[in-house]
Protein backbone atom coordinates (compact mmCIF):
# COMPACT_ATOMS: atom_id res chain seq x y z
CA UNK A 1 9.60 -35.23 14.48
CA UNK A 2 6.93 -37.33 12.73
CA UNK A 3 5.38 -38.48 16.02
CA UNK A 4 4.76 -34.89 17.10
CA UNK A 5 3.34 -34.03 13.69
CA UNK A 6 0.88 -36.89 13.92
CA UNK A 7 -0.01 -36.03 17.50
CA UNK A 8 -0.85 -32.46 16.47
CA UNK A 9 -2.99 -33.68 13.59
CA UNK A 10 -4.93 -35.99 15.90
CA UNK A 11 -5.75 -33.38 18.54
CA UNK A 12 -9.47 -32.59 18.65
CA UNK A 13 -10.64 -29.06 17.92
CA UNK A 14 -14.03 -27.37 18.23
CA UNK A 15 -15.24 -29.99 20.72
CA UNK A 16 -18.47 -29.56 22.64
CA UNK A 17 -21.48 -27.38 21.93
CA UNK A 18 -20.59 -24.13 20.19
CA UNK A 19 -22.62 -20.91 20.28
CA UNK A 20 -24.38 -19.61 17.20
CA UNK A 21 -23.49 -16.31 15.56
CA UNK A 22 -25.68 -14.33 13.19
CA UNK A 23 -23.85 -11.31 11.71
CA UNK A 24 -27.18 -9.83 10.61
CA UNK A 25 -28.24 -9.49 14.25
CA UNK A 26 -25.14 -7.59 15.43
CA UNK A 27 -25.05 -4.02 16.80
CA UNK A 28 -23.81 -1.04 14.82
CA UNK A 29 -20.56 -0.67 16.80
CA UNK A 30 -18.10 -3.43 17.73
CA UNK A 31 -17.58 -2.61 21.42
CA UNK A 32 -21.13 -3.70 22.29
CA UNK A 33 -20.71 -7.03 20.54
CA UNK A 34 -17.33 -7.50 22.17
CA UNK A 35 -18.86 -6.90 25.61
CA UNK A 36 -21.56 -9.49 24.85
CA UNK A 37 -18.95 -12.09 23.87
CA UNK A 38 -16.75 -11.29 26.86
CA UNK A 39 -19.66 -11.60 29.30
CA UNK A 40 -20.66 -14.88 27.64
CA UNK A 41 -17.13 -16.15 28.27
CA UNK A 42 -17.36 -15.02 31.91
CA UNK A 43 -20.74 -16.74 32.33
CA UNK A 44 -19.27 -19.91 30.81
CA UNK A 45 -16.50 -19.75 33.44
CA UNK A 46 -13.75 -19.70 30.84
CA UNK A 47 -10.47 -19.10 32.73
CA UNK A 48 -9.06 -15.60 32.43
CA UNK A 49 -11.45 -14.40 29.71
CA UNK A 50 -9.93 -10.92 29.92
CA UNK A 51 -6.47 -12.17 28.88
CA UNK A 52 -5.37 -11.00 25.43
CA UNK A 53 -2.33 -11.07 23.20
CA UNK A 54 -0.84 -7.63 22.58
CA UNK A 55 1.22 -7.42 19.39
CA UNK A 56 3.61 -4.55 18.65
CA UNK A 57 6.56 -3.95 16.31
CA UNK A 58 10.13 -3.44 17.56
CA UNK A 59 12.87 -1.16 16.25
CA UNK A 60 13.88 -3.74 13.64
CA UNK A 61 10.36 -4.06 12.27
CA UNK A 62 9.94 -7.49 13.86
CA UNK A 63 6.57 -8.35 15.45
CA UNK A 64 6.53 -8.93 19.20
CA UNK A 65 3.66 -10.49 21.15
CA UNK A 66 2.82 -11.16 24.79
CA UNK A 67 -0.29 -11.82 26.90
CA UNK A 68 -1.74 -8.98 28.99
CA UNK A 69 -4.96 -8.31 30.86
CA UNK A 70 -7.67 -6.09 29.38
CA UNK A 71 -8.39 -3.17 31.73
CA UNK A 72 -11.50 -1.63 30.21
CA UNK A 73 -13.51 -1.04 27.04
CA UNK A 74 -14.75 2.42 26.09
CA UNK A 75 -17.82 1.87 23.89
CA UNK A 76 -18.29 5.45 22.67
CA UNK A 77 -14.63 5.86 21.73
CA UNK A 78 -14.23 2.33 20.43
CA UNK A 79 -11.25 1.94 22.76
CA UNK A 80 -9.65 -1.07 24.45
CA UNK A 81 -7.42 -0.29 27.45
CA UNK A 82 -4.30 -1.95 28.88
CA UNK A 83 -1.33 -0.77 30.94
CA UNK A 84 2.45 -1.08 30.79
CA UNK A 85 5.67 0.42 32.09
CA UNK A 86 6.93 3.06 29.66
CA UNK A 87 10.49 1.68 29.85
CA UNK A 88 9.46 -1.92 29.15
CA UNK A 89 9.95 -3.32 25.62
CA UNK A 90 6.26 -2.89 24.81
CA UNK A 91 6.28 0.63 26.23
CA UNK A 92 9.28 1.62 24.13
CA UNK A 93 7.78 0.00 21.04
CA UNK A 94 4.50 1.84 21.48
CA UNK A 95 6.35 5.13 21.87
CA UNK A 96 8.23 4.57 18.61
CA UNK A 97 5.34 3.00 16.69
CA UNK A 98 2.01 3.79 18.40
CA UNK A 99 -0.09 1.10 16.71
CA UNK A 100 -0.92 -2.36 18.00
CA UNK A 101 -3.12 -5.41 17.65
CA UNK A 102 -5.07 -7.28 20.32
CA UNK A 103 -6.20 -10.88 20.01
CA UNK A 104 -8.73 -12.60 22.27
CA UNK A 105 -9.43 -16.34 22.04
CA UNK A 106 -12.10 -18.13 24.05
CA UNK A 107 -11.30 -21.72 23.15
CA UNK A 108 -14.32 -23.58 24.61
CA UNK A 109 -16.62 -21.38 22.53
CA UNK A 110 -14.36 -21.34 19.43
CA UNK A 111 -14.50 -17.56 19.43
CA UNK A 112 -11.77 -15.12 18.47
CA UNK A 113 -11.71 -11.32 18.35
CA UNK A 114 -8.98 -9.28 16.63
CA UNK A 115 -8.65 -5.55 17.32
CA UNK A 116 -6.20 -3.23 15.53
CA UNK A 117 -5.59 0.50 15.57
CA UNK A 118 -3.52 3.40 16.89
CA UNK A 119 -2.60 3.53 20.57
CA UNK A 120 -2.65 6.66 22.76
CA UNK A 121 -1.27 7.16 26.27
CA UNK A 122 -3.79 8.33 28.85
CA UNK A 123 -3.22 11.04 31.47
CA UNK A 124 -0.92 10.66 34.46
CA UNK A 125 -4.00 10.73 36.71
CA UNK A 126 -5.71 7.83 34.94
CA UNK A 127 -2.45 5.90 34.75
CA UNK A 128 -1.83 6.38 38.48
CA UNK A 129 -5.36 5.22 39.29
CA UNK A 130 -4.78 2.08 37.24
CA UNK A 131 -1.51 1.39 39.04
CA UNK A 132 -3.01 1.85 42.51
CA UNK A 133 -5.78 -0.61 41.65
CA UNK A 134 -3.21 -3.38 41.12
CA UNK A 135 -2.34 -5.96 43.76
CA UNK A 136 0.61 -5.42 46.10
CA UNK A 137 2.83 -7.96 44.35
CA UNK A 138 2.17 -6.46 40.92
CA UNK A 139 2.88 -2.94 42.17
CA UNK A 140 6.09 -4.03 43.91
CA UNK A 141 7.38 -5.62 40.72
CA UNK A 142 6.40 -2.67 38.54
CA UNK A 143 8.08 -0.17 40.89
CA UNK A 144 11.41 -1.82 40.08
CA UNK A 145 11.15 -0.85 36.43
CA UNK A 146 13.44 -3.71 35.37
CA UNK A 147 11.11 -5.81 33.22
CA UNK A 148 12.88 -7.91 30.56
CA UNK A 149 16.35 -6.94 31.83
CA UNK A 150 18.94 -9.71 32.35
CA UNK A 151 18.56 -11.59 35.64
CA UNK A 152 21.78 -13.27 36.72
CA UNK A 153 21.08 -13.84 40.41
CA UNK A 154 17.63 -14.81 41.77
CA UNK A 155 18.74 -13.57 45.18
CA UNK A 156 19.14 -10.09 43.72
CA UNK A 157 15.54 -10.16 42.51
CA UNK A 158 14.30 -11.37 45.91
CA UNK A 159 16.16 -8.57 47.67
CA UNK A 160 14.89 -5.95 45.22
CA UNK A 161 11.30 -7.14 45.62
CA UNK A 162 11.61 -7.13 49.41
CA UNK A 163 12.85 -3.53 49.28
CA UNK A 164 10.04 -2.59 46.93
CA UNK A 165 7.43 -4.15 49.21
CA UNK A 166 8.92 -2.29 52.15
CA UNK A 167 8.65 0.94 50.21
CA UNK A 168 4.98 0.26 49.49
CA UNK A 169 4.40 -0.31 53.19
CA UNK A 170 5.87 3.14 53.85
CA UNK A 171 4.39 4.80 50.75
CA UNK A 172 1.16 3.00 49.83
CA UNK A 173 0.39 5.64 47.17
CA UNK A 174 3.74 5.35 45.41
CA UNK A 175 3.36 5.30 41.62
CA UNK A 176 6.21 5.05 39.10
CA UNK A 177 5.98 8.00 36.70
CA UNK A 178 6.57 5.62 33.80
CA UNK A 179 3.44 3.57 34.47
CA UNK A 180 1.07 4.22 31.58
CA UNK A 181 -2.53 3.39 30.81
CA UNK A 182 -2.96 2.97 27.05
CA UNK A 183 -6.06 3.05 24.89
CA UNK A 184 -6.12 1.28 21.55
CA UNK A 185 -8.58 3.21 19.38
CA UNK A 186 -9.79 0.49 17.07
CA UNK A 187 -10.03 1.13 13.36
CA UNK A 188 -10.81 -2.52 12.63
CA UNK A 189 -12.41 -5.25 14.77
CA UNK A 190 -13.02 -8.77 13.55
CA UNK A 191 -15.22 -11.39 15.22
CA UNK A 192 -14.60 -15.04 14.35
CA UNK A 193 -16.96 -17.86 15.31
CA UNK A 194 -15.58 -21.34 14.72
CA UNK A 195 -17.64 -24.21 13.37
CA UNK A 196 -17.01 -27.94 13.70
CA UNK A 197 -17.53 -28.41 9.94
CA UNK A 198 -15.16 -25.50 9.23
CA UNK A 199 -18.01 -23.27 8.09
CA UNK A 200 -16.60 -20.50 10.25
CA UNK A 201 -18.31 -17.10 10.46
CA UNK A 202 -16.24 -13.92 10.22
CA UNK A 203 -17.55 -10.39 10.69
CA UNK A 204 -15.30 -7.33 10.34
CA UNK A 205 -16.08 -3.80 11.52
CA UNK A 206 -14.23 -0.89 9.87
CA UNK A 207 -14.18 2.60 11.34
CA UNK A 208 -15.24 5.40 8.98
CA UNK A 209 -15.69 9.14 9.31
CA UNK A 210 -19.39 8.51 10.02
CA UNK A 211 -19.06 5.57 12.42
CA UNK A 212 -18.65 1.91 11.50
CA UNK A 213 -19.29 -0.29 8.51
CA UNK A 214 -19.60 -4.09 8.62
CA UNK A 215 -18.76 -6.87 6.19
CA UNK A 216 -18.69 -10.64 6.38
CA UNK A 217 -15.56 -12.46 5.21
CA UNK A 218 -14.74 -15.81 3.71
CA UNK A 219 -13.47 -18.26 6.35
């Protein structure tokens, strides 16, 4: 497809005014810098700045990725939180291999953050609180516990959702026991600031027994 290849080559990248980034002026721990970048994306009105790609590994050793919403950041623990149904593919993968990677990309600012580390499941109480904070539609879908299963009849899904909504009307505090709040305890966090002339800036934090170390990387 030569036309598509040429189209992709001609697409503009790193357009507009990009923020500066001085690794020497960064805090000692990555969560604080992440919060600064996230709030800058919110202030810039970047759509869905809390969306992130969660990458896991399946039973065959193949990488799997999907976009989720960040739930919280725990600065002292160096933790990034998200939630999932324990019986979903990502839930099963995290049970078998409790490590993951998160990727954030704020395109208008040419900024990317990569977070990797082990993942732990939080308590039933915290998981339930996360579930009850979700919207009605999201809770109704999650109560079904059928994510990623084959769907052969849309009418079946509509009927199941209607029944789930009716259950929530009767039981507003209903929580599936499989709903789980996860915390990724970062052992490495990388911040990437793009540059129009390709002089990108990369800063990596590495967790140590005494806290964090930092190093800049070649683009």
